[in-house]
Amino acid sequence: MVFDPHKPVIAQSDHTILLEVDNPPFKEARDRLALFAELVKSPEHIHTYRVTPLSIWNAAAAGATREEIFGTLEEFSKYDVPSNLLVDIEDYLSRYGKLLLEKSGEELVLRCSDSNLADQLRLNKKISPFLLQEKRKNTFRIDPSNRGELKQRLVKIGFPVKDIAGYVDGDTFRFEMRETTLEGR
């Protein structure tokens, strides 16, 4: 096991990351950790971060790569990074982009990267009601009014959706602000 007291990070097997505030590379480590880990608490001397599937998927959506994430952990860690943490990060990253929500003509469709994933979704009782019709192999038509609910359910089963469908502009909503508040101000 390697130990370097000059580094500010302690990555733990429970997916928490401790960051020493009084360590010289604190600011750079903090900025780089913020890309892929959620700040849980920040008392005076040690900040605690947590790596979650969602934090990794958000990082992937922002363009972060495996090399950047692993590089940050390795560059700033006092001790060896737990292998289970690296394996889990790799797994979370591998799931991002396997599902794509996009427009196909006037329809909203969900594309799966492979047949096994499409079969999993078809057989899942919480997901299958949202898959209206298989348009082509591994591609399902989706009711736009269920878009948000479907995306939430897919995240819960470990598959985030890369949503590139865009939105339709609605009618302008007109409103006026009061001159005075209800309290007379």
Foldseek 3Di string as FASTA:
>chain_A
DAFDPLFFWAADLQQKIKGFPPRVCRVVLVVLVQLQWAFDDDPDTITMTGGDLVSLLSSVVVPDDLCSVVVSCVVRHRDDHDPNNSVVSVVSNVQHPQWEWADDPNFIKIAGNDQVVLVVQCPDPLRNVQFDAAPDRRMGTGDVVCVVVNQVVCVVVRHHYHYPHDDDDDDDDDDDDDPADPVGD
